[in-house]
Amino acid sequence: PRSESVRHDNLAEQAYRNLRSLILERKIAPGAPVIEGRLAEELRISRTPMREALVRLVGEGLLERADARSYSVRKVSPTEYFQSMQVRETIETHAMDLAVDRIPAAEIDVLMRNIRRLAKETEQEALHWQADDRLHLMFAIASGNAVLVKLIETLRVNTRLFEIAGPFRRVAADGAEHLAILSAWRAGDVKGAKKALMMHLRSLQQEALDVLSGRRA
């Protein structure tokens, strides 16, 4: 029956979203085992939609299969991280060029208000990641190029998995850097916004170097 099919699809989508959030919000550590049956019980979802969600997350590069019924959160190497960041510099600034005059000022204003509010709150890491996603995908979505959106989403999975595996504490710094990008864009300074984006991405890479070298623990 159609109603059962719709319910199954909804459960699979719910399982996918819940599990994706658990991974990206650092509630399941990189490399940690993800057991299909145990997870289905914890989230109170039957195994079939849970299996579909897990397979989907494997396809997105968030999970890797360990055996027939278990998975693990994928670990991203430093090399993959830095290479992904280099590509992000190129395609995210290109997305900005394509998005000129395509983002309503009101949308920028709402995002800036949200980022400023986050700076005043504690325990806001999950909300920070949501604002981070919104900013970094906003220009690609406005560009109208669906392939560009998918590429940036894939690269962001790579860099996010690396960052959540280390002692990165970027909420305050990210907020200030995000506001610099948006302020320049809001003022019509596309060149300045692109420069602020590049500085932001390179700041992230410098912090990664500090972590890897032991200068940041």
N, C-alpha and C. Protein backbone atom coordinates (compact mmCIF):
# COMPACT_ATOMS: atom_id res chain seq x y z
N PRO A 1 0.83 -1.20 0.00
CA PRO A 1 0.00 0.00 0.00
C PRO A 1 0.88 1.26 0.00
N ARG A 2 0.36 2.30 -0.66
CA ARG A 2 1.13 3.53 -0.78
C ARG A 2 1.46 4.13 0.58
N SER A 3 0.52 4.07 1.52
CA SER A 3 0.75 4.68 2.83
C SER A 3 1.93 4.03 3.54
N GLU A 4 2.06 2.71 3.40
CA GLU A 4 3.19 2.01 4.02
C GLU A 4 4.49 2.40 3.34
N SER A 5 4.47 2.58 2.02
CA SER A 5 5.67 2.99 1.29
C SER A 5 6.12 4.38 1.72
N VAL A 6 5.16 5.29 1.86
CA VAL A 6 5.48 6.65 2.29
C VAL A 6 6.06 6.64 3.70
N ARG A 7 5.45 5.85 4.58
CA ARG A 7 5.94 5.76 5.96
C ARG A 7 7.36 5.20 5.99
N HIS A 8 7.62 4.18 5.16
CA HIS A 8 8.96 3.60 5.10
C HIS A 8 9.96 4.65 4.63
N ASP A 9 9.62 5.41 3.59
CA ASP A 9 10.51 6.45 3.08
C ASP A 9 10.77 7.50 4.15
N ASN A 10 9.73 7.87 4.89
CA ASN A 10 9.89 8.86 5.95
C ASN A 10 10.81 8.36 7.05
N LEU A 11 10.66 7.08 7.41
CA LEU A 11 11.52 6.50 8.44
C LEU A 11 12.98 6.45 7.98
N ALA A 12 13.20 6.10 6.72
CA ALA A 12 14.56 6.06 6.19
C ALA A 12 15.18 7.45 6.18
N GLU A 13 14.38 8.44 5.82
CA GLU A 13 14.87 9.83 5.81
C GLU A 13 15.16 10.30 7.23
N GLN A 14 14.27 9.94 8.16
CA GLN A 14 14.47 10.31 9.57
C GLN A 14 15.74 9.67 10.12
N ALA A 15 15.95 8.39 9.82
CA ALA A 15 17.15 7.70 10.27
C ALA A 15 18.40 8.35 9.68
N TYR A 16 18.32 8.69 8.40
CA TYR A 16 19.45 9.33 7.73
C TYR A 16 19.80 10.65 8.39
N ARG A 17 18.80 11.49 8.61
CA ARG A 17 19.05 12.81 9.18
C ARG A 17 19.57 12.71 10.62
N ASN A 18 18.98 11.80 11.40
CA ASN A 18 19.42 11.64 12.79
C ASN A 18 20.87 11.18 12.86
N LEU A 19 21.20 10.17 12.06
CA LEU A 19 22.54 9.62 12.10
C LEU A 19 23.56 10.61 11.55
N ARG A 20 23.20 11.32 10.50
CA ARG A 20 24.10 12.32 9.93
C ARG A 20 24.42 13.40 10.97
N SER A 21 23.39 13.82 11.71
CA SER A 21 23.60 14.83 12.75
C SER A 21 24.50 14.31 13.86
N LEU A 22 24.29 13.06 14.26
CA LEU A 22 25.12 12.47 15.32
C LEU A 22 26.59 12.46 14.92
N ILE A 23 26.86 12.18 13.64
CA ILE A 23 28.24 12.14 13.17
C ILE A 23 28.83 13.54 13.09
N LEU A 24 28.11 14.45 12.43
CA LEU A 24 28.67 15.77 12.16
C LEU A 24 28.69 16.67 13.39
N GLU A 25 27.94 16.31 14.42
CA GLU A 25 27.96 17.09 15.65
C GLU A 25 28.84 16.43 16.72
N ARG A 26 29.69 15.50 16.27
CA ARG A 26 30.73 14.91 17.12
C ARG A 26 30.16 13.99 18.19
N LYS A 27 28.92 13.51 18.03
CA LYS A 27 28.32 12.63 19.03
C LYS A 27 28.68 11.16 18.77
N ILE A 28 29.18 10.89 17.55
CA ILE A 28 29.79 9.60 17.24
C ILE A 28 31.18 9.92 16.72
N ALA A 29 32.19 9.43 17.38
CA ALA A 29 33.57 9.80 17.05
C ALA A 29 34.03 9.17 15.75
N PRO A 30 34.89 9.89 14.98
CA PRO A 30 35.49 9.29 13.79
C PRO A 30 36.20 7.98 14.13
N GLY A 31 35.96 6.94 13.35
CA GLY A 31 36.54 5.64 13.60
C GLY A 31 35.70 4.77 14.51
N ALA A 32 34.71 5.37 15.18
CA ALA A 32 33.87 4.61 16.11
C ALA A 32 32.97 3.65 15.34
N PRO A 33 32.73 2.46 15.89
CA PRO A 33 31.86 1.50 15.21
C PRO A 33 30.40 1.94 15.23
N VAL A 34 29.69 1.64 14.16
CA VAL A 34 28.26 1.92 14.07
C VAL A 34 27.59 0.59 13.71
N ILE A 35 26.93 -0.01 14.70
CA ILE A 35 26.30 -1.31 14.52
C ILE A 35 24.84 -1.13 14.14
N GLU A 36 24.48 -1.70 13.00
CA GLU A 36 23.15 -1.49 12.44
C GLU A 36 22.03 -1.82 13.44
N GLY A 37 22.07 -3.02 14.01
CA GLY A 37 21.00 -3.44 14.90
C GLY A 37 20.91 -2.60 16.16
N ARG A 38 22.05 -2.33 16.76
CA ARG A 38 22.08 -1.53 17.99
C ARG A 38 21.55 -0.12 17.73
N LEU A 39 21.97 0.46 16.61
CA LEU A 39 21.54 1.81 16.27
C LEU A 39 20.04 1.86 16.00
N ALA A 40 19.52 0.83 15.32
CA ALA A 40 18.09 0.77 15.05
C ALA A 40 17.29 0.73 16.35
N GLU A 41 17.81 0.00 17.34
CA GLU A 41 17.13 -0.07 18.64
C GLU A 41 17.20 1.27 19.35
N GLU A 42 18.38 1.91 19.33
CA GLU A 42 18.55 3.18 20.04
C GLU A 42 17.65 4.28 19.46
N LEU A 43 17.52 4.30 18.12
CA LEU A 43 16.71 5.33 17.47
C LEU A 43 15.27 4.89 17.27
N ARG A 44 14.96 3.63 17.70
CA ARG A 44 13.61 3.08 17.62
C ARG A 44 13.08 3.09 16.19
N ILE A 45 13.91 2.62 15.29
CA ILE A 45 13.57 2.53 13.87
C ILE A 45 13.88 1.11 13.41
N SER A 46 13.01 0.53 12.60
CA SER A 46 13.25 -0.84 12.15
C SER A 46 14.51 -0.92 11.29
N ARG A 47 15.02 -2.14 11.13
CA ARG A 47 16.32 -2.31 10.49
C ARG A 47 16.35 -1.94 9.02
N THR A 48 15.27 -2.17 8.30
CA THR A 48 15.31 -1.92 6.86
C THR A 48 15.52 -0.44 6.53
N PRO A 49 14.72 0.50 7.09
CA PRO A 49 15.02 1.91 6.82
C PRO A 49 16.36 2.36 7.39
N MET A 50 16.78 1.76 8.52
CA MET A 50 18.10 2.09 9.07
C MET A 50 19.19 1.66 8.11
N ARG A 51 19.04 0.46 7.52
CA ARG A 51 20.05 -0.03 6.57
C ARG A 51 20.14 0.91 5.37
N GLU A 52 18.98 1.39 4.90
CA GLU A 52 18.97 2.31 3.76
C GLU A 52 19.70 3.61 4.11
N ALA A 53 19.48 4.09 5.32
CA ALA A 53 20.15 5.32 5.76
C ALA A 53 21.66 5.12 5.83
N LEU A 54 22.10 3.97 6.34
CA LEU A 54 23.52 3.68 6.46
C LEU A 54 24.18 3.60 5.08
N VAL A 55 23.51 2.93 4.15
CA VAL A 55 24.05 2.82 2.79
C VAL A 55 24.16 4.20 2.15
N ARG A 56 23.18 5.04 2.40
CA ARG A 56 23.22 6.41 1.86
C ARG A 56 24.40 7.19 2.44
N LEU A 57 24.67 7.02 3.70
CA LEU A 57 25.78 7.73 4.34
C LEU A 57 27.14 7.19 3.88
N VAL A 58 27.19 5.91 3.53
CA VAL A 58 28.40 5.36 2.92
C VAL A 58 28.64 6.05 1.58
N GLY A 59 27.57 6.20 0.81
CA GLY A 59 27.68 6.85 -0.49
C GLY A 59 28.13 8.28 -0.40
N GLU A 60 27.79 8.95 0.70
CA GLU A 60 28.19 10.35 0.89
C GLU A 60 29.58 10.47 1.49
N GLY A 61 30.18 9.36 1.87
CA GLY A 61 31.53 9.41 2.42
C GLY A 61 31.62 9.65 3.90
N LEU A 62 30.49 9.59 4.61
CA LEU A 62 30.50 9.79 6.06
C LEU A 62 30.81 8.49 6.80
N LEU A 63 30.37 7.39 6.24
CA LEU A 63 30.61 6.08 6.85
C LEU A 63 31.38 5.19 5.88
N GLU A 64 32.04 4.18 6.43
CA GLU A 64 32.62 3.12 5.60
C GLU A 64 32.21 1.79 6.21
N ARG A 65 32.01 0.80 5.34
CA ARG A 65 31.51 -0.50 5.80
C ARG A 65 32.64 -1.31 6.43
N ALA A 66 32.35 -1.87 7.61
CA ALA A 66 33.32 -2.74 8.28
C ALA A 66 33.04 -4.20 7.92
N ASP A 67 31.75 -4.58 8.00
CA ASP A 67 31.33 -5.92 7.57
C ASP A 67 29.86 -5.83 7.19
N ALA A 68 29.18 -6.97 7.08
CA ALA A 68 27.81 -6.98 6.56
C ALA A 68 26.83 -6.15 7.39
N ARG A 69 27.06 -6.03 8.69
CA ARG A 69 26.10 -5.35 9.56
C ARG A 69 26.70 -4.22 10.39
N SER A 70 27.94 -3.90 10.14
CA SER A 70 28.53 -2.81 10.92
C SER A 70 29.34 -1.87 10.03
N TYR A 71 29.45 -0.65 10.50
CA TYR A 71 30.11 0.42 9.78
C TYR A 71 30.99 1.19 10.76
N SER A 72 31.75 2.13 10.24
CA SER A 72 32.48 3.04 11.11
C SER A 72 32.49 4.42 10.47
N VAL A 73 32.60 5.45 11.31
CA VAL A 73 32.70 6.81 10.81
C VAL A 73 34.05 6.95 10.10
N ARG A 74 34.01 7.44 8.88
CA ARG A 74 35.22 7.49 8.07
C ARG A 74 36.25 8.47 8.64
N LYS A 75 37.49 8.05 8.66
CA LYS A 75 38.59 8.93 9.07
C LYS A 75 39.19 9.58 7.83
N VAL A 76 39.41 10.88 7.90
CA VAL A 76 40.00 11.63 6.79
C VAL A 76 41.44 11.94 7.12
N SER A 77 42.34 11.63 6.22
CA SER A 77 43.77 11.87 6.45
C SER A 77 44.09 13.36 6.30
N PRO A 78 45.19 13.82 6.89
CA PRO A 78 45.60 15.21 6.70
C PRO A 78 45.76 15.58 5.23
N THR A 79 46.31 14.66 4.44
CA THR A 79 46.50 14.95 3.01
C THR A 79 45.17 15.21 2.33
N GLU A 80 44.18 14.36 2.59
CA GLU A 80 42.87 14.54 1.98
C GLU A 80 42.23 15.85 2.46
N TYR A 81 42.44 16.18 3.73
CA TYR A 81 41.90 17.43 4.27
C TYR A 81 42.46 18.65 3.54
N PHE A 82 43.78 18.74 3.46
CA PHE A 82 44.38 19.92 2.84
C PHE A 82 44.08 19.99 1.35
N GLN A 83 44.05 18.85 0.68
CA GLN A 83 43.70 18.86 -0.74
C GLN A 83 42.25 19.31 -0.94
N SER A 84 41.37 18.85 -0.06
CA SER A 84 39.96 19.27 -0.14
C SER A 84 39.83 20.76 0.10
N MET A 85 40.59 21.29 1.05
CA MET A 85 40.52 22.73 1.34
C MET A 85 41.03 23.54 0.16
N GLN A 86 42.06 23.07 -0.51
CA GLN A 86 42.58 23.79 -1.68
C GLN A 86 41.52 23.87 -2.78
N VAL A 87 40.82 22.77 -3.00
CA VAL A 87 39.76 22.78 -4.02
C VAL A 87 38.60 23.67 -3.58
N ARG A 88 38.30 23.65 -2.29
CA ARG A 88 37.24 24.52 -1.78
C ARG A 88 37.55 25.99 -2.04
N GLU A 89 38.79 26.39 -1.88
CA GLU A 89 39.16 27.78 -2.14
C GLU A 89 38.76 28.18 -3.56
N THR A 90 39.03 27.30 -4.50
CA THR A 90 38.76 27.60 -5.90
C THR A 90 37.27 27.63 -6.20
N ILE A 91 36.56 26.59 -5.79
CA ILE A 91 35.16 26.50 -6.25
C ILE A 91 34.21 27.34 -5.40
N GLU A 92 34.54 27.60 -4.13
CA GLU A 92 33.65 28.45 -3.34
C GLU A 92 33.77 29.91 -3.77
N THR A 93 34.96 30.36 -4.14
CA THR A 93 35.07 31.73 -4.65
C THR A 93 34.42 31.83 -6.03
N HIS A 94 34.51 30.77 -6.83
CA HIS A 94 33.83 30.75 -8.13
C HIS A 94 32.31 30.83 -7.92
N ALA A 95 31.81 30.12 -6.92
CA ALA A 95 30.37 30.18 -6.62
C ALA A 95 29.95 31.61 -6.29
N MET A 96 30.82 32.34 -5.60
CA MET A 96 30.50 33.73 -5.28
C MET A 96 30.33 34.57 -6.55
N ASP A 97 31.23 34.36 -7.51
CA ASP A 97 31.11 35.10 -8.77
C ASP A 97 29.77 34.82 -9.45
N LEU A 98 29.33 33.57 -9.41
CA LEU A 98 28.09 33.19 -10.06
C LEU A 98 26.86 33.67 -9.29
N ALA A 99 27.03 33.96 -7.99
CA ALA A 99 25.89 34.31 -7.13
C ALA A 99 25.65 35.81 -7.03
N VAL A 100 26.46 36.62 -7.71
CA VAL A 100 26.31 38.07 -7.62
C VAL A 100 24.89 38.49 -8.01
N ASP A 101 24.27 39.31 -7.17
CA ASP A 101 22.90 39.84 -7.38
C ASP A 101 21.82 38.76 -7.32
N ARG A 102 22.16 37.60 -6.77
CA ARG A 102 21.18 36.52 -6.71
C ARG A 102 20.76 36.15 -5.28
N ILE A 103 21.32 36.82 -4.28
CA ILE A 103 20.97 36.52 -2.89
C ILE A 103 20.27 37.74 -2.29
N PRO A 104 19.03 37.60 -1.84
CA PRO A 104 18.33 38.75 -1.24
C PRO A 104 19.07 39.29 -0.02
N ALA A 105 19.09 40.59 0.12
CA ALA A 105 19.76 41.21 1.27
C ALA A 105 19.15 40.71 2.58
N ALA A 106 17.84 40.47 2.57
CA ALA A 106 17.17 40.01 3.79
C ALA A 106 17.72 38.66 4.25
N GLU A 107 18.08 37.79 3.30
CA GLU A 107 18.64 36.48 3.65
C GLU A 107 20.00 36.65 4.33
N ILE A 108 20.80 37.57 3.81
CA ILE A 108 22.11 37.86 4.42
C ILE A 108 21.91 38.41 5.84
N ASP A 109 20.96 39.32 5.98
CA ASP A 109 20.71 39.95 7.29
C ASP A 109 20.29 38.92 8.34
N VAL A 110 19.43 38.00 7.96
CA VAL A 110 18.97 36.96 8.90
C VAL A 110 20.14 36.09 9.33
N LEU A 111 20.97 35.69 8.38
CA LEU A 111 22.11 34.84 8.72
C LEU A 111 23.09 35.58 9.62
N MET A 112 23.33 36.85 9.35
CA MET A 112 24.24 37.63 10.20
C MET A 112 23.70 37.76 11.62
N ARG A 113 22.39 37.96 11.74
CA ARG A 113 21.79 38.04 13.09
C ARG A 113 21.95 36.72 13.83
N ASN A 114 21.74 35.62 13.13
CA ASN A 114 21.88 34.30 13.75
C ASN A 114 23.32 34.07 14.23
N ILE A 115 24.28 34.45 13.42
CA ILE A 115 25.69 34.25 13.78
C ILE A 115 26.06 35.11 14.99
N ARG A 116 25.56 36.35 15.03
CA ARG A 116 25.84 37.22 16.19
C ARG A 116 25.21 36.65 17.45
N ARG A 117 24.01 36.10 17.32
CA ARG A 117 23.33 35.52 18.48
C ARG A 117 24.10 34.31 19.00
N LEU A 118 24.63 33.50 18.10
CA LEU A 118 25.39 32.32 18.51
C LEU A 118 26.62 32.69 19.33
N ALA A 119 27.22 33.85 19.01
CA ALA A 119 28.42 34.28 19.72
C ALA A 119 28.14 34.56 21.20
N LYS A 120 26.87 34.79 21.53
CA LYS A 120 26.50 35.12 22.91
C LYS A 120 26.02 33.91 23.70
N GLU A 121 25.89 32.76 23.03
CA GLU A 121 25.34 31.58 23.68
C GLU A 121 26.44 30.58 24.01
N THR A 122 26.12 29.67 24.90
CA THR A 122 27.03 28.58 25.23
C THR A 122 26.40 27.27 24.75
N GLU A 123 27.23 26.23 24.61
CA GLU A 123 26.75 24.93 24.15
C GLU A 123 26.00 25.07 22.81
N GLN A 124 26.59 25.85 21.91
CA GLN A 124 25.89 26.14 20.66
C GLN A 124 26.56 25.48 19.46
N GLU A 125 27.36 24.44 19.67
CA GLU A 125 28.13 23.87 18.58
C GLU A 125 27.24 23.35 17.45
N ALA A 126 26.15 22.66 17.80
CA ALA A 126 25.27 22.12 16.76
C ALA A 126 24.67 23.23 15.91
N LEU A 127 24.22 24.31 16.56
CA LEU A 127 23.67 25.45 15.82
C LEU A 127 24.75 26.13 14.99
N HIS A 128 25.96 26.15 15.50
CA HIS A 128 27.08 26.72 14.75
C HIS A 128 27.29 25.96 13.45
N TRP A 129 27.27 24.63 13.51
CA TRP A 129 27.47 23.85 12.30
C TRP A 129 26.37 24.12 11.29
N GLN A 130 25.14 24.34 11.77
CA GLN A 130 24.04 24.63 10.86
C GLN A 130 24.26 25.97 10.15
N ALA A 131 24.71 26.97 10.91
CA ALA A 131 25.00 28.27 10.31
C ALA A 131 26.17 28.17 9.34
N ASP A 132 27.15 27.34 9.69
CA ASP A 132 28.31 27.12 8.85
C ASP A 132 27.89 26.52 7.50
N ASP A 133 27.02 25.51 7.56
CA ASP A 133 26.50 24.89 6.34
C ASP A 133 25.76 25.91 5.49
N ARG A 134 24.94 26.68 6.16
CA ARG A 134 24.11 27.65 5.42
C ARG A 134 24.98 28.66 4.69
N LEU A 135 26.00 29.18 5.37
CA LEU A 135 26.86 30.17 4.73
C LEU A 135 27.62 29.57 3.55
N HIS A 136 28.28 28.44 3.77
CA HIS A 136 29.16 27.90 2.74
C HIS A 136 28.41 27.33 1.54
N LEU A 137 27.14 26.99 1.71
CA LEU A 137 26.36 26.49 0.59
C LEU A 137 25.50 27.57 -0.07
N MET A 138 25.33 28.68 0.62
CA MET A 138 24.43 29.73 0.15
C MET A 138 24.81 30.25 -1.24
N PHE A 139 26.09 30.50 -1.45
CA PHE A 139 26.54 31.06 -2.72
C PHE A 139 26.38 30.05 -3.85
N ALA A 140 26.70 28.79 -3.57
CA ALA A 140 26.56 27.75 -4.60
C ALA A 140 25.10 27.56 -4.96
N ILE A 141 24.22 27.52 -3.97
CA ILE A 141 22.78 27.36 -4.24
C ILE A 141 22.27 28.52 -5.07
N ALA A 142 22.71 29.74 -4.73
CA ALA A 142 22.27 30.93 -5.47
C ALA A 142 22.81 30.94 -6.90
N SER A 143 23.92 30.26 -7.12
CA SER A 143 24.52 30.23 -8.46
C SER A 143 23.63 29.50 -9.47
N GLY A 144 22.78 28.61 -8.98
CA GLY A 144 21.93 27.82 -9.86
C GLY A 144 22.61 26.61 -10.45
N ASN A 145 23.85 26.35 -10.02
CA ASN A 145 24.62 25.22 -10.54
C ASN A 145 24.55 24.07 -9.53
N ALA A 146 23.71 23.08 -9.82
CA ALA A 146 23.49 21.97 -8.88
C ALA A 146 24.74 21.12 -8.70
N VAL A 147 25.54 21.01 -9.75
CA VAL A 147 26.79 20.23 -9.66
C VAL A 147 27.75 20.90 -8.69
N LEU A 148 27.82 22.21 -8.74
CA LEU A 148 28.67 22.97 -7.83
C LEU A 148 28.25 22.75 -6.38
N VAL A 149 26.95 22.73 -6.14
CA VAL A 149 26.44 22.48 -4.78
C VAL A 149 26.89 21.11 -4.29
N LYS A 150 26.74 20.09 -5.13
CA LYS A 150 27.12 18.73 -4.75
C LYS A 150 28.62 18.63 -4.47
N LEU A 151 29.43 19.27 -5.29
CA LEU A 151 30.88 19.24 -5.08
C LEU A 151 31.26 19.87 -3.75
N ILE A 152 30.67 21.01 -3.46
CA ILE A 152 30.99 21.69 -2.19
C ILE A 152 30.50 20.86 -1.01
N GLU A 153 29.33 20.25 -1.12
CA GLU A 153 28.83 19.38 -0.05
C GLU A 153 29.79 18.22 0.21
N THR A 154 30.29 17.60 -0.85
CA THR A 154 31.22 16.48 -0.72
C THR A 154 32.52 16.91 -0.06
N LEU A 155 33.06 18.03 -0.51
CA LEU A 155 34.31 18.53 0.06
C LEU A 155 34.13 18.93 1.52
N ARG A 156 32.96 19.47 1.84
CA ARG A 156 32.70 19.86 3.23
C ARG A 156 32.57 18.65 4.14
N VAL A 157 32.06 17.54 3.63
CA VAL A 157 32.05 16.31 4.41
C VAL A 157 33.48 15.90 4.75
N ASN A 158 34.36 15.95 3.76
CA ASN A 158 35.76 15.58 3.99
C ASN A 158 36.39 16.45 5.07
N THR A 159 36.23 17.75 4.94
CA THR A 159 36.90 18.65 5.89
C THR A 159 36.24 18.61 7.27
N ARG A 160 34.91 18.43 7.30
CA ARG A 160 34.22 18.35 8.60
C ARG A 160 34.66 17.10 9.36
N LEU A 161 34.76 15.97 8.68
CA LEU A 161 35.16 14.73 9.35
C LEU A 161 36.57 14.86 9.94
N PHE A 162 37.43 15.56 9.24
CA PHE A 162 38.78 15.78 9.77
C PHE A 162 38.73 16.69 11.00
N GLU A 163 37.97 17.76 10.92
CA GLU A 163 37.93 18.74 12.01
C GLU A 163 37.30 18.18 13.27
N ILE A 164 36.23 17.37 13.13
CA ILE A 164 35.58 16.85 14.34
C ILE A 164 36.42 15.77 15.00
N ALA A 165 37.45 15.26 14.29
CA ALA A 165 38.32 14.25 14.89
C ALA A 165 39.40 14.86 15.75
N GLY A 166 39.60 16.18 15.66
CA GLY A 166 40.69 16.83 16.40
C GLY A 166 40.16 17.85 17.40
N PRO A 167 41.07 18.46 18.15
CA PRO A 167 40.66 19.44 19.17
C PRO A 167 40.42 20.83 18.60
N PHE A 168 39.58 20.90 17.57
CA PHE A 168 39.26 22.19 16.96
C PHE A 168 38.14 22.84 17.76
N ARG A 169 38.32 24.08 18.12
CA ARG A 169 37.28 24.84 18.82
C ARG A 169 37.11 26.16 18.09
N ARG A 170 36.32 26.12 17.03
CA ARG A 170 36.30 27.21 16.08
C ARG A 170 35.04 28.07 16.14
N VAL A 171 34.18 27.85 17.12
CA VAL A 171 32.89 28.55 17.09
C VAL A 171 33.07 30.06 17.06
N ALA A 172 33.87 30.61 17.97
CA ALA A 172 34.04 32.06 18.04
C ALA A 172 34.78 32.60 16.82
N ALA A 173 35.89 31.93 16.45
CA ALA A 173 36.68 32.39 15.31
C ALA A 173 35.88 32.29 14.02
N ASP A 174 35.18 31.18 13.85
CA ASP A 174 34.36 31.01 12.65
C ASP A 174 33.31 32.10 12.55
N GLY A 175 32.68 32.41 13.68
CA GLY A 175 31.63 33.42 13.67
C GLY A 175 32.16 34.77 13.19
N ALA A 176 33.31 35.19 13.71
CA ALA A 176 33.90 36.47 13.31
C ALA A 176 34.27 36.46 11.83
N GLU A 177 34.83 35.33 11.37
CA GLU A 177 35.24 35.24 9.97
C GLU A 177 34.03 35.17 9.04
N HIS A 178 33.00 34.49 9.47
CA HIS A 178 31.77 34.43 8.67
C HIS A 178 31.13 35.81 8.55
N LEU A 179 31.14 36.57 9.64
CA LEU A 179 30.57 37.92 9.59
C LEU A 179 31.37 38.83 8.66
N ALA A 180 32.67 38.64 8.61
CA ALA A 180 33.49 39.45 7.70
C ALA A 180 33.12 39.16 6.24
N ILE A 181 32.89 37.88 5.94
CA ILE A 181 32.48 37.51 4.58
C ILE A 181 31.14 38.16 4.24
N LEU A 182 30.18 37.99 5.13
CA LEU A 182 28.82 38.47 4.87
C LEU A 182 28.75 40.00 4.85
N SER A 183 29.52 40.65 5.70
CA SER A 183 29.51 42.12 5.74
C SER A 183 30.00 42.69 4.41
N ALA A 184 31.07 42.11 3.89
CA ALA A 184 31.60 42.59 2.61
C ALA A 184 30.58 42.33 1.49
N TRP A 185 29.98 41.14 1.51
CA TRP A 185 29.00 40.81 0.47
C TRP A 185 27.79 41.74 0.55
N ARG A 186 27.34 41.98 1.77
CA ARG A 186 26.17 42.85 1.99
C ARG A 186 26.43 44.25 1.48
N ALA A 187 27.70 44.69 1.55
CA ALA A 187 28.07 46.03 1.09
C ALA A 187 28.33 46.08 -0.42
N GLY A 188 28.18 44.93 -1.09
CA GLY A 188 28.41 44.89 -2.52
C GLY A 188 29.86 44.73 -2.91
N ASP A 189 30.70 44.43 -1.92
CA ASP A 189 32.14 44.27 -2.18
C ASP A 189 32.44 42.79 -2.42
N VAL A 190 32.21 42.34 -3.66
CA VAL A 190 32.40 40.92 -3.98
C VAL A 190 33.87 40.53 -3.81
N LYS A 191 34.76 41.38 -4.27
CA LYS A 191 36.20 41.10 -4.15
C LYS A 191 36.59 40.96 -2.69
N GLY A 192 36.07 41.84 -1.84
CA GLY A 192 36.36 41.77 -0.41
C GLY A 192 35.78 40.53 0.24
N ALA A 193 34.58 40.14 -0.20
CA ALA A 193 33.95 38.93 0.33
C ALA A 193 34.75 37.70 -0.04
N LYS A 194 35.24 37.66 -1.29
CA LYS A 194 36.06 36.52 -1.73
C LYS A 194 37.37 36.48 -0.94
N LYS A 195 37.96 37.63 -0.69
CA LYS A 195 39.19 37.68 0.10
C LYS A 195 38.94 37.21 1.52
N ALA A 196 37.82 37.62 2.11
CA ALA A 196 37.48 37.19 3.48
C ALA A 196 37.23 35.69 3.52
N LEU A 197 36.62 35.14 2.48
CA LEU A 197 36.40 33.69 2.42
C LEU A 197 37.74 32.95 2.36
N MET A 198 38.64 33.43 1.52
CA MET A 198 39.96 32.80 1.41
C MET A 198 40.70 32.85 2.74
N MET A 199 40.63 33.99 3.42
CA MET A 199 41.29 34.13 4.73
C MET A 199 40.69 33.15 5.73
N HIS A 200 39.38 32.97 5.66
CA HIS A 200 38.69 32.04 6.56
C HIS A 200 39.16 30.61 6.32
N LEU A 201 39.17 30.19 5.06
CA LEU A 201 39.58 28.82 4.75
C LEU A 201 41.05 28.58 5.11
N ARG A 202 41.88 29.59 4.93
CA ARG A 202 43.30 29.44 5.27
C ARG A 202 43.54 29.49 6.78
N SER A 203 42.67 30.20 7.49
CA SER A 203 42.73 30.18 8.94
C SER A 203 42.44 28.78 9.48
N LEU A 204 41.46 28.12 8.87
CA LEU A 204 41.14 26.75 9.25
C LEU A 204 42.33 25.82 8.99
N GLN A 205 42.98 26.02 7.86
CA GLN A 205 44.14 25.17 7.52
C GLN A 205 45.31 25.43 8.46
N GLN A 206 45.49 26.69 8.85
CA GLN A 206 46.58 27.00 9.78
C GLN A 206 46.32 26.35 11.13
N GLU A 207 45.07 26.37 11.56
CA GLU A 207 44.75 25.71 12.83
C GLU A 207 45.00 24.22 12.74
N ALA A 208 44.68 23.63 11.59
CA ALA A 208 44.94 22.20 11.40
C ALA A 208 46.44 21.92 11.49
N LEU A 209 47.24 22.78 10.89
CA LEU A 209 48.70 22.61 10.97
C LEU A 209 49.17 22.72 12.42
N ASP A 210 48.59 23.65 13.17
CA ASP A 210 48.97 23.81 14.59
C ASP A 210 48.61 22.56 15.39
N VAL A 211 47.44 21.99 15.11
CA VAL A 211 47.03 20.76 15.80
C VAL A 211 47.97 19.62 15.46
N LEU A 212 48.27 19.45 14.19
CA LEU A 212 49.12 18.34 13.74
C LEU A 212 50.54 18.46 14.25
N SER A 213 51.02 19.69 14.41
CA SER A 213 52.40 19.90 14.86
C SER A 213 52.53 19.87 16.37
N GLY A 214 51.38 19.85 17.07
CA GLY A 214 51.43 19.82 18.52
C GLY A 214 51.39 21.19 19.15
N ARG A 215 51.32 22.25 18.33
CA ARG A 215 51.25 23.61 18.87
C ARG A 215 49.87 23.89 19.46
N ARG A 216 48.90 23.06 19.08
CA ARG A 216 47.55 23.20 19.62
C ARG A 216 47.10 21.83 20.09
N ALA A 217 46.77 21.70 21.36
CA ALA A 217 46.35 20.40 21.87
C ALA A 217 45.00 20.52 22.54
